[in-house]
Amino acid sequence: MTQGVLPFKYEEEKSNSGMTALAGLPLYLDLAEVIGLSKSIQKHLKIRTGSQGWTDTQVVLAIVLLNLAGGDCVDDLKILEADQGFCTILDKAEIHGLKRKVRRALERRWRKEKKRSVPSPSAVFRYLSKFHDAKQEELRLSSDVKAFIPRHNEHLRGLREINKDICAGLNRAKPQTTATLDMDATLAETMKKAARYCYKGFKSYQPLNVWWHEQGIILHTEFRDGNVPAGYEQLKIFKEALACLPENVEKVKLRSDTAGYQHELLKYCEIGENERFGRIEFAIGCNVTTAFKTAVAQVPDLEWRPIHKNEKGVKIKTGSEWAEVCFVPNELCHSKDAPTYRYIAKRQRLEEQPPLPGIEEPKQLEFPFPTMEMQEKKYKVFGVVTNIKYTDMKGETIIHWLHERCGKSEEIHAVMKDDLAGGKFPSSDFGVNAAWWWMMIISLNLNAMMKNLALAPIMAVKRMKAIRYSVINIPGRVITHSRRLILRLSQGHPAYDIFVEARRRIAKLNGAWAPPG
């Protein structure tokens, strides 16, 4: 009997066939084993301290794997559990390298025989609830502060330490002595009743993220409500991010949009208050205030220089111009020992379009960016403040360097919310959603390591859609033979060579990942 229009029908296997639709996901188990992710979870998370039920490692790793496989909610764990072939590998991976005594202890955590490989959604919800601090919500209600950020409990701080371990290990395997940090917040829209309205008028959360440009990972993040301004307490987050940097990092640079234009942050970088890194070079977008526009208007027309873009080794004019601006903000005018900064302006002429026939010309156009008139011409204006010396970097280079932040770090926000599970939150409780966000960050960084350390160089720029299509979501059959576990692909499948080469590179990381001593 046919089930539809075309001559085929669906049937279930009569027995466990060992099939998997996620033949590439065990690669991430391999990488997690090498980087010591399970050990880090056991060290920094002490939620499941009892002798019964799921361990911290099993729950956190299940959520990480869910992100990588394409799930975006807790209920999607049912689909992961239904993949019998992958669950067979997951069960073997959990006990790999464990002594017999430890394996027996894991088995005794279950009163009856363990039947699941992945925690059930209800077990995960109970686990995530431990990250929420009800006392902080009481403080929120009694506080007059609108931009209230609940203090993280020890479990949320444990997730930060896990991510810190991952970053340190990566910088041992692929050393970078310079860390260019891009600070930026992103709006994650939600319909949760307890969520706050953001400045754009919809309910959301607004995490503040610190992106490590050289390594291509998120170094630090702070989960926030939507009504907390992006620039709120940026110096505190920057200090926390500096503390997360590995020991072999020697120099730090900072880039940010206008949310980072805070004089306490600028001063901290310029006078070198940080004992470890000293003076920190920065380039930050500055507010285009009336005073700044006045200073820009005083720049002679001959001092404006064209901005070029490089296309295949050829410099092409972009139509924008830059100039050094003599400007001292009002906040620094009354302080004798205040540091002085270098201000740069970028302008782009706005061409007036003639009105279409039969359409009434609008009285006044409103632009979503700062504009000003100079010599009867209208310009789009952008400002930059920096402490990089004239002799070290000219203004055009600084503008290009700052605009690099708007490339990869902005793209990562889309990856967090669309490609991974950062755009769908499991609860109305702030702490639960903060933990969910942190575990998504760990998944993001684990995938970045896979692309940069194990896969072919061409995969380094691929989004999760391409990684899932060509690496993760590959069909295979899991076979147990002579105490060996074999994951068999169809003959001639191009993923076979990718898997074998990736495992070879991961195996080589064993020595490089080990901490000194």
Protein backbone atom coordinates (compact mmCIF):
# COMPACT_ATOMS: atom_id res chain seq x y z
CA MET A 1 0.00 0.00 0.00
CA THR A 2 1.45 3.34 -1.07
CA GLN A 3 1.77 6.17 1.46
CA GLY A 4 1.80 9.09 -0.93
CA VAL A 5 1.88 10.13 -4.57
CA LEU A 6 5.27 8.68 -5.59
CA PRO A 7 5.90 4.89 -5.61
CA PHE A 8 7.79 4.49 -2.30
CA LYS A 9 6.91 4.13 1.37
CA TYR A 10 8.53 4.43 4.80
CA GLU A 11 9.10 1.47 7.10
CA GLU A 12 10.81 1.03 10.46
CA GLU A 13 13.68 -1.39 10.96
CA LYS A 14 12.61 -4.52 12.85
CA SER A 15 15.74 -4.41 15.02
CA ASN A 16 18.52 -2.04 16.01
CA SER A 17 20.37 -1.50 12.73
CA GLY A 18 23.15 0.69 14.15
CA MET A 19 22.45 3.44 11.63
CA THR A 20 23.38 7.03 12.38
CA ALA A 21 22.61 10.30 10.62
CA LEU A 22 25.45 12.04 12.50
CA ALA A 23 28.54 10.14 11.39
CA GLY A 24 30.69 13.28 11.69
CA LEU A 25 29.63 14.22 15.23
CA PRO A 26 32.00 11.66 16.88
CA LEU A 27 34.87 13.81 15.54
CA TYR A 28 33.86 16.39 18.14
CA LEU A 29 33.92 13.69 20.83
CA ASP A 30 37.49 12.94 19.72
CA LEU A 31 38.44 16.62 19.96
CA ALA A 32 36.68 17.03 23.32
CA GLU A 33 38.70 14.09 24.66
CA VAL A 34 42.01 15.58 23.51
CA ILE A 35 41.33 19.04 24.93
CA GLY A 36 40.20 17.57 28.25
CA LEU A 37 36.70 19.05 28.15
CA SER A 38 35.28 16.37 30.45
CA LYS A 39 38.03 16.92 33.02
CA SER A 40 37.46 20.67 32.94
CA ILE A 41 33.72 20.18 33.49
CA GLN A 42 34.39 17.85 36.42
CA LYS A 43 36.81 20.37 37.91
CA HIS A 44 34.71 23.53 37.67
CA LEU A 45 31.12 22.26 37.94
CA LYS A 46 30.01 20.59 41.16
CA ILE A 47 26.25 20.35 40.63
CA ARG A 48 25.87 16.59 40.39
CA THR A 49 27.96 15.73 43.43
CA GLY A 50 25.74 12.83 44.50
CA SER A 51 26.12 9.21 43.56
CA GLN A 52 22.92 8.92 41.52
CA GLY A 53 21.83 10.08 38.06
CA TRP A 54 23.51 11.98 35.26
CA THR A 55 26.91 13.57 35.82
CA ASP A 56 27.84 17.20 35.04
CA THR A 57 29.91 16.03 32.08
CA GLN A 58 27.06 14.03 30.56
CA VAL A 59 24.55 16.88 30.74
CA VAL A 60 26.84 19.68 29.54
CA LEU A 61 28.30 17.56 26.75
CA ALA A 62 24.78 16.59 25.61
CA ILE A 63 23.84 20.28 25.25
CA VAL A 64 27.09 21.01 23.40
CA LEU A 65 26.45 18.12 20.98
CA LEU A 66 22.85 19.28 20.55
CA ASN A 67 24.11 22.70 19.41
CA LEU A 68 26.55 21.17 16.95
CA ALA A 69 23.95 18.76 15.52
CA GLY A 70 21.54 21.61 14.80
CA GLY A 71 19.07 21.38 17.71
CA ASP A 72 17.87 24.62 19.25
CA CYS A 73 15.71 23.52 22.19
CA VAL A 74 15.89 21.03 25.06
CA ASP A 75 13.21 18.80 23.52
CA ASP A 76 15.51 18.19 20.54
CA LEU A 77 17.52 15.88 22.80
CA LYS A 78 14.88 13.24 21.96
CA ILE A 79 16.10 13.25 18.35
CA LEU A 80 19.71 12.88 19.48
CA GLU A 81 18.69 9.95 21.72
CA ALA A 82 16.85 8.32 18.82
CA ASP A 83 20.07 8.13 16.78
CA GLN A 84 21.06 4.65 17.93
CA GLY A 85 24.34 4.51 16.05
CA PHE A 86 25.66 7.73 17.51
CA CYS A 87 24.48 6.77 21.01
CA THR A 88 26.51 3.55 20.74
CA ILE A 89 29.65 5.61 20.10
CA LEU A 90 28.73 8.08 22.85
CA ASP A 91 28.40 5.28 25.40
CA LYS A 92 31.84 3.91 24.47
CA ALA A 93 33.40 7.40 24.53
CA GLU A 94 32.15 8.04 28.09
CA ILE A 95 34.04 5.09 29.55
CA HIS A 96 37.14 5.31 27.36
CA GLY A 97 40.32 5.38 29.39
CA LEU A 98 38.55 4.93 32.73
CA LYS A 99 39.75 2.43 35.27
CA ARG A 100 37.48 -0.47 36.10
CA LYS A 101 36.64 0.97 39.52
CA VAL A 102 35.49 4.26 37.97
CA ARG A 103 33.43 2.45 35.31
CA ARG A 104 31.69 0.41 38.00
CA ALA A 105 30.94 3.60 39.93
CA LEU A 106 29.31 5.10 36.82
CA GLU A 107 27.16 1.99 36.41
CA ARG A 108 26.06 2.17 40.06
CA ARG A 109 24.70 5.70 39.54
CA TRP A 110 21.57 4.01 38.19
CA ARG A 111 19.30 1.90 40.39
CA LYS A 112 18.12 0.02 37.33
CA GLU A 113 19.98 -0.65 34.12
CA LYS A 114 20.81 2.57 32.26
CA LYS A 115 18.68 2.67 29.13
CA ARG A 116 19.39 6.18 27.78
CA SER A 117 22.60 7.59 26.31
CA VAL A 118 21.47 11.21 26.35
CA PRO A 119 19.75 12.89 29.34
CA SER A 120 16.01 13.36 28.98
CA PRO A 121 14.62 16.90 28.53
CA SER A 122 13.14 16.86 32.04
CA ALA A 123 16.53 15.91 33.55
CA VAL A 124 18.22 18.73 31.62
CA PHE A 125 15.62 21.28 32.77
CA ARG A 126 16.20 20.24 36.39
CA TYR A 127 19.95 20.56 35.86
CA LEU A 128 19.72 24.01 34.27
CA SER A 129 17.58 25.28 37.15
CA LYS A 130 20.66 25.05 39.40
CA PHE A 131 22.20 27.98 37.54
CA HIS A 132 19.37 30.30 38.54
CA ASP A 133 19.62 32.32 41.74
CA ALA A 134 16.15 33.25 43.04
CA LYS A 135 17.68 35.67 45.57
CA GLN A 136 19.06 37.79 42.75
CA GLU A 137 15.56 38.09 41.30
CA GLU A 138 14.34 39.33 44.68
CA LEU A 139 17.09 41.94 44.64
CA ARG A 140 16.02 42.97 41.16
CA LEU A 141 12.46 43.61 42.33
CA SER A 142 13.59 45.61 45.36
CA SER A 143 16.22 47.61 43.47
CA ASP A 144 15.63 50.99 41.87
CA VAL A 145 18.30 50.28 39.24
CA LYS A 146 16.72 49.68 35.83
CA ALA A 147 19.88 48.19 34.27
CA PHE A 148 20.16 45.36 36.78
CA ILE A 149 22.58 42.50 36.09
CA PRO A 150 22.06 39.50 38.42
CA ARG A 151 25.27 38.28 40.00
CA HIS A 152 26.42 34.94 38.64
CA ASN A 153 26.37 32.04 41.06
CA GLU A 154 29.27 29.60 41.39
CA HIS A 155 27.89 27.31 38.69
CA LEU A 156 27.79 30.07 36.06
CA ARG A 157 31.30 31.10 37.07
CA GLY A 158 32.27 27.46 36.55
CA LEU A 159 31.17 27.65 32.90
CA ARG A 160 33.39 30.70 32.45
CA GLU A 161 36.35 28.75 33.84
CA ILE A 162 35.64 25.88 31.43
CA ASN A 163 35.76 28.29 28.51
CA LYS A 164 38.95 29.78 29.94
CA ASP A 165 40.57 26.33 29.95
CA ILE A 166 39.57 25.83 26.31
CA CYS A 167 41.10 29.17 25.28
CA ALA A 168 44.33 28.41 27.15
CA GLY A 169 44.65 25.00 25.51
CA LEU A 170 44.01 26.43 22.05
CA ASN A 171 46.74 29.02 22.54
CA ARG A 172 49.18 26.27 23.47
CA ALA A 173 48.37 24.27 20.34
CA LYS A 174 48.28 27.37 18.11
CA PRO A 175 50.25 30.12 19.94
CA GLN A 176 49.31 33.77 19.51
CA THR A 177 51.20 36.33 21.58
CA THR A 178 48.85 39.18 20.61
CA ALA A 179 45.15 39.30 21.44
CA THR A 180 42.99 41.79 19.55
CA LEU A 181 39.75 41.91 21.52
CA ASP A 182 36.51 43.10 19.90
CA MET A 183 33.79 44.05 22.38
CA ASP A 184 30.23 44.10 21.11
CA ALA A 185 26.72 43.38 22.37
CA THR A 186 23.98 41.60 20.44
CA LEU A 187 20.21 41.53 20.77
CA ALA A 188 18.66 38.07 21.07
CA GLU A 189 14.91 38.50 20.63
CA THR A 190 12.63 36.41 22.81
CA MET A 191 8.97 36.17 23.82
CA LYS A 192 9.68 35.17 27.43
CA LYS A 193 7.36 36.95 29.84
CA ALA A 194 10.16 37.92 32.24
CA ALA A 195 12.36 39.39 29.48
CA ARG A 196 12.87 43.16 29.28
CA TYR A 197 12.31 45.46 26.33
CA CYS A 198 15.42 46.63 24.48
CA TYR A 199 16.00 50.05 22.91
CA LYS A 200 14.49 48.81 19.63
CA GLY A 201 11.15 48.14 21.28
CA PHE A 202 10.99 44.34 21.49
CA LYS A 203 11.71 41.88 24.30
CA SER A 204 15.20 40.47 24.23
CA TYR A 205 18.38 39.62 26.06
CA GLN A 206 21.53 41.57 25.23
CA PRO A 207 24.73 39.63 26.00
CA LEU A 208 28.03 41.52 25.81
CA ASN A 209 30.68 39.42 24.04
CA VAL A 210 34.45 39.67 23.76
CA TRP A 211 35.78 38.19 20.52
CA TRP A 212 39.43 37.14 20.23
CA HIS A 213 40.24 38.05 16.65
CA GLU A 214 43.48 36.10 16.16
CA GLN A 215 42.05 32.82 17.45
CA GLY A 216 38.52 33.27 16.13
CA ILE A 217 36.79 32.40 19.42
CA ILE A 218 34.67 34.06 22.11
CA LEU A 219 37.00 34.76 25.02
CA HIS A 220 34.34 35.99 27.44
CA THR A 221 30.66 36.90 27.59
CA GLU A 222 28.21 38.37 30.06
CA PHE A 223 24.54 37.50 29.70
CA ARG A 224 22.31 40.55 30.23
CA ASP A 225 18.70 41.65 30.01
CA GLY A 226 17.57 43.56 26.95
CA ASN A 227 17.17 46.85 28.81
CA VAL A 228 20.83 46.93 29.91
CA PRO A 229 22.70 49.40 27.63
CA ALA A 230 25.53 47.92 25.57
CA GLY A 231 28.02 50.33 27.14
CA TYR A 232 27.05 49.56 30.73
CA GLU A 233 30.06 48.47 32.83
CA GLN A 234 32.22 47.74 29.81
CA LEU A 235 35.41 48.34 31.82
CA LYS A 236 34.40 45.58 34.25
CA ILE A 237 33.81 43.13 31.40
CA PHE A 238 37.08 44.14 29.76
CA LYS A 239 39.00 43.43 32.98
CA GLU A 240 37.31 40.02 33.27
CA ALA A 241 38.24 39.26 29.66
CA LEU A 242 41.89 40.19 30.31
CA ALA A 243 41.89 37.74 33.23
CA CYS A 244 40.70 34.99 30.86
CA LEU A 245 43.66 35.38 28.48
CA PRO A 246 46.22 32.55 28.49
CA GLU A 247 49.61 33.05 30.12
CA ASN A 248 51.53 33.14 26.84
CA VAL A 249 49.67 36.24 25.55
CA GLU A 250 51.95 39.27 25.78
CA LYS A 251 50.10 42.15 24.09
CA VAL A 252 46.45 43.21 23.95
CA LYS A 253 44.61 45.55 21.60
CA LEU A 254 41.01 46.71 21.90
CA ARG A 255 38.36 47.58 19.31
CA SER A 256 34.77 48.62 19.95
CA ASP A 257 31.89 50.62 18.54
CA THR A 258 30.55 53.78 20.17
CA ALA A 259 29.22 51.75 23.12
CA GLY A 260 32.85 51.49 24.25
CA TYR A 261 33.36 55.27 24.14
CA GLN A 262 33.66 55.63 27.91
CA HIS A 263 36.44 57.74 29.35
CA GLU A 264 37.10 55.38 32.26
CA LEU A 265 37.75 52.58 29.75
CA LEU A 266 39.94 54.80 27.55
CA LYS A 267 41.95 56.01 30.54
CA TYR A 268 42.42 52.46 31.85
CA CYS A 269 43.97 51.46 28.52
CA GLU A 270 46.06 54.59 28.01
CA ILE A 271 47.75 54.93 31.40
CA GLY A 272 48.42 51.20 31.62
CA GLU A 273 46.59 50.34 34.83
CA ASN A 274 46.66 46.63 34.04
CA GLU A 275 49.74 45.17 35.73
CA ARG A 276 50.16 42.36 33.22
CA PHE A 277 49.70 44.10 29.87
CA GLY A 278 50.42 47.75 30.69
CA ARG A 279 49.38 50.26 28.04
CA ILE A 280 46.74 48.83 25.71
CA GLU A 281 46.28 50.26 22.22
CA PHE A 282 42.69 50.84 21.16
CA ALA A 283 40.50 52.17 18.36
CA ILE A 284 36.91 52.94 19.37
CA GLY A 285 34.07 54.71 17.61
CA CYS A 286 33.34 58.06 19.27
CA ASN A 287 30.04 59.86 19.65
CA VAL A 288 29.42 62.40 16.87
CA THR A 289 28.24 65.17 19.17
CA THR A 290 27.62 68.82 18.30
CA ALA A 291 31.06 69.70 19.68
CA PHE A 292 32.70 67.01 17.55
CA LYS A 293 30.86 68.23 14.45
CA THR A 294 32.11 71.75 15.16
CA ALA A 295 35.69 70.46 15.32
CA VAL A 296 35.22 68.50 12.10
CA ALA A 297 33.81 71.58 10.32
CA GLN A 298 37.02 73.48 11.18
CA VAL A 299 39.23 70.99 9.32
CA PRO A 300 40.47 72.65 6.07
CA ASP A 301 39.29 70.96 2.90
CA LEU A 302 42.88 70.31 1.81
CA GLU A 303 43.51 68.09 4.86
CA TRP A 304 40.85 65.54 3.87
CA ARG A 305 42.48 62.49 2.29
CA PRO A 306 40.74 59.77 0.24
CA ILE A 307 40.13 56.29 1.71
CA HIS A 308 41.06 53.40 -0.55
CA LYS A 309 40.13 49.74 -0.65
CA ASN A 310 42.44 47.02 -1.84
CA GLU A 311 41.11 44.79 -4.63
CA LYS A 312 43.58 42.20 -5.96
CA GLY A 313 46.54 44.40 -5.06
CA VAL A 314 45.07 47.53 -6.65
CA LYS A 315 44.04 50.54 -4.52
CA ILE A 316 40.63 51.91 -5.45
CA LYS A 317 39.01 55.04 -4.05
CA THR A 318 35.89 54.35 -1.99
CA GLY A 319 34.38 57.83 -2.14
CA SER A 320 35.01 58.37 1.59
CA GLU A 321 37.62 60.68 3.13
CA TRP A 322 39.42 60.93 6.46
CA ALA A 323 41.15 63.66 8.45
CA GLU A 324 42.79 64.21 11.82
CA VAL A 325 40.57 66.32 14.09
CA CYS A 326 41.76 68.65 16.87
CA PHE A 327 39.18 67.81 19.51
CA VAL A 328 39.08 67.67 23.30
CA PRO A 329 35.79 66.39 24.81
CA ASN A 330 34.13 68.38 27.58
CA GLU A 331 34.76 65.55 30.07
CA LEU A 332 38.53 66.15 29.82
CA CYS A 333 38.62 69.96 29.56
CA HIS A 334 38.72 70.54 33.34
CA SER A 335 41.37 67.96 34.20
CA LYS A 336 45.04 68.92 33.98
CA ASP A 337 46.42 65.38 34.10
CA ALA A 338 43.79 63.83 31.79
CA PRO A 339 45.25 61.78 28.93
CA THR A 340 45.00 63.14 25.41
CA TYR A 341 43.77 61.03 22.54
CA ARG A 342 43.88 61.12 18.80
CA TYR A 343 40.58 61.79 17.04
CA ILE A 344 39.95 60.86 13.42
CA ALA A 345 36.90 61.72 11.31
CA LYS A 346 35.58 59.88 8.29
CA ARG A 347 33.11 61.52 5.94
CA GLN A 348 31.13 60.35 2.94
CA ARG A 349 29.18 62.72 0.73
CA LEU A 350 25.44 62.06 0.46
CA GLU A 351 24.25 62.52 -3.10
CA GLU A 352 20.84 64.15 -3.39
CA GLN A 353 18.48 62.16 -5.59
CA PRO A 354 16.02 64.15 -7.73
CA PRO A 355 12.37 63.51 -6.85
CA LEU A 356 10.43 61.13 -9.08
CA PRO A 357 7.78 62.70 -11.36
CA GLY A 358 4.39 62.91 -9.72
CA ILE A 359 5.73 62.17 -6.21
CA GLU A 360 5.76 64.92 -3.62
CA GLU A 361 9.25 65.66 -2.31
CA PRO A 362 9.60 64.93 1.43
CA LYS A 363 10.21 67.92 3.66
CA GLN A 364 13.15 66.48 5.57
CA LEU A 365 14.95 63.16 5.19
CA GLU A 366 15.90 61.42 8.42
CA PHE A 367 19.08 59.31 8.32
CA PRO A 368 19.89 56.52 10.83
CA PHE A 369 23.48 57.84 11.09
CA PRO A 370 25.11 61.19 12.00
CA THR A 371 25.22 63.78 9.20
CA MET A 372 26.48 67.34 8.87
CA GLU A 373 26.80 70.01 6.23
CA MET A 374 30.18 71.35 5.09
CA GLN A 375 30.54 73.91 2.32
CA GLU A 376 26.90 73.47 1.30
CA LYS A 377 27.35 69.73 0.95
CA LYS A 378 25.85 67.02 3.14
CA TYR A 379 28.07 64.29 4.57
CA LYS A 380 27.72 61.12 6.57
CA VAL A 381 30.17 61.43 9.49
CA PHE A 382 31.91 58.77 11.57
CA GLY A 383 34.38 59.41 14.42
CA VAL A 384 37.22 57.33 15.85
CA VAL A 385 39.23 57.83 19.02
CA THR A 386 42.56 56.05 19.44
CA ASN A 387 45.77 56.14 21.44
CA ILE A 388 47.87 54.70 18.60
CA LYS A 389 50.63 57.17 17.72
CA TYR A 390 50.83 58.98 14.39
CA THR A 391 54.17 57.34 13.63
CA ASP A 392 52.83 53.83 14.23
CA MET A 393 49.67 53.89 12.12
CA LYS A 394 48.14 56.51 9.85
CA GLY A 395 44.49 57.42 10.07
CA GLU A 396 43.32 55.47 7.01
CA THR A 397 44.92 52.28 8.33
CA ILE A 398 43.27 52.77 11.74
CA ILE A 399 39.86 53.14 10.10
CA HIS A 400 40.34 49.94 8.10
CA TRP A 401 41.60 48.14 11.22
CA LEU A 402 38.56 49.22 13.25
CA HIS A 403 36.19 48.23 10.46
CA GLU A 404 37.57 44.67 10.54
CA ARG A 405 35.64 44.34 13.81
CA CYS A 406 32.39 44.78 11.90
CA GLY A 407 33.22 41.75 9.79
CA LYS A 408 33.91 38.56 11.67
CA SER A 409 32.70 39.52 15.15
CA GLU A 410 29.38 40.75 13.70
CA GLU A 411 29.03 37.53 11.70
CA ILE A 412 29.55 35.50 14.88
CA HIS A 413 26.43 37.06 16.39
CA ALA A 414 24.41 35.59 13.52
CA VAL A 415 26.10 32.22 14.05
CA MET A 416 25.22 32.28 17.75
CA LYS A 417 21.54 33.03 17.21
CA ASP A 418 20.79 31.35 13.88
CA ASP A 419 23.29 28.51 13.41
CA LEU A 420 23.46 27.49 17.08
CA ALA A 421 20.90 27.54 19.89
CA GLY A 422 21.63 31.08 21.16
CA GLY A 423 18.49 32.51 19.61
CA LYS A 424 16.01 30.29 21.46
CA PHE A 425 15.95 30.25 25.25
CA PRO A 426 14.57 27.39 27.34
CA SER A 427 13.16 29.27 30.34
CA SER A 428 11.90 32.52 31.81
CA ASP A 429 14.53 32.27 34.56
CA PHE A 430 17.54 34.48 33.91
CA GLY A 431 20.14 32.05 35.28
CA VAL A 432 18.83 29.15 33.18
CA ASN A 433 19.10 31.20 30.00
CA ALA A 434 22.56 32.46 31.01
CA ALA A 435 23.76 28.85 31.37
CA TRP A 436 22.18 27.94 28.03
CA TRP A 437 24.03 30.88 26.42
CA TRP A 438 27.37 29.86 27.99
CA MET A 439 27.03 26.27 26.75
CA MET A 440 26.31 27.61 23.27
CA ILE A 441 29.57 29.62 23.52
CA ILE A 442 31.47 26.45 24.42
CA SER A 443 29.91 24.74 21.37
CA LEU A 444 30.89 27.70 19.18
CA ASN A 445 34.50 27.57 20.36
CA LEU A 446 34.69 23.79 20.01
CA ASN A 447 33.55 24.11 16.39
CA ALA A 448 36.10 26.90 15.78
CA MET A 449 38.84 24.59 17.03
CA MET A 450 37.62 21.79 14.79
CA LYS A 451 37.76 24.07 11.74
CA ASN A 452 41.16 25.59 12.54
CA LEU A 453 43.00 22.57 13.94
CA ALA A 454 41.50 19.43 12.41
CA LEU A 455 39.69 20.17 9.15
CA ALA A 456 41.16 21.35 5.86
CA PRO A 457 42.15 25.07 5.71
CA ILE A 458 39.33 25.80 3.27
CA MET A 459 36.81 24.88 6.01
CA ALA A 460 38.04 27.62 8.35
CA VAL A 461 35.71 30.21 6.79
CA LYS A 462 32.65 27.94 6.49
CA ARG A 463 29.46 28.56 8.47
CA MET A 464 27.69 25.82 10.43
CA LYS A 465 25.34 25.10 7.52
CA ALA A 466 28.29 24.00 5.36
CA ILE A 467 29.98 22.13 8.24
CA ARG A 468 26.81 20.14 8.97
CA TYR A 469 26.22 19.36 5.31
CA SER A 470 29.74 18.16 4.53
CA VAL A 471 31.01 16.91 7.93
CA ILE A 472 28.39 16.30 10.65
CA ASN A 473 25.14 15.13 9.02
CA ILE A 474 26.62 12.17 7.17
CA PRO A 475 24.83 8.78 7.22
CA GLY A 476 26.75 5.76 8.45
CA ARG A 477 26.43 2.38 10.11
CA VAL A 478 27.97 1.56 13.50
CA ILE A 479 29.28 -2.01 13.73
CA THR A 480 30.67 -3.85 16.73
CA HIS A 481 33.11 -6.56 15.70
CA SER A 482 35.78 -8.38 17.77
CA ARG A 483 35.52 -5.74 20.54
CA ARG A 484 36.10 -3.05 17.95
CA LEU A 485 33.75 -0.21 17.11
CA ILE A 486 33.56 0.63 13.41
CA LEU A 487 31.68 3.52 11.80
CA ARG A 488 31.16 2.55 8.17
CA LEU A 489 30.27 5.03 5.40
CA SER A 490 28.95 4.25 1.94
CA GLN A 491 31.62 3.40 -0.60
CA GLY A 492 33.23 6.40 -2.26
CA HIS A 493 31.66 8.98 0.06
CA PRO A 494 33.85 12.15 0.09
CA ALA A 495 33.46 12.51 3.86
CA TYR A 496 35.57 9.40 4.49
CA ASP A 497 38.87 11.11 3.65
CA ILE A 498 37.79 14.17 5.68
CA PHE A 499 37.12 12.03 8.76
CA VAL A 500 40.37 10.06 8.55
CA GLU A 501 42.52 13.16 8.07
CA ALA A 502 40.70 15.07 10.84
CA ARG A 503 41.24 12.22 13.34
CA ARG A 504 44.92 12.09 12.41
CA ARG A 505 45.32 15.82 13.11
CA ILE A 506 43.37 15.56 16.37
CA ALA A 507 45.63 12.73 17.53
CA LYS A 508 48.67 14.94 16.90
CA LEU A 509 47.22 17.57 19.28
CA ASN A 510 47.59 15.26 22.28
CA GLY A 511 51.06 16.50 23.23
CA ALA A 512 50.52 20.14 22.26
CA TRP A 513 47.37 20.43 24.36
CA ALA A 514 48.89 19.22 27.61
CA PRO A 515 49.54 22.07 30.09
CA PRO A 516 53.15 22.82 31.11
CA GLY A 517 54.45 20.48 33.83
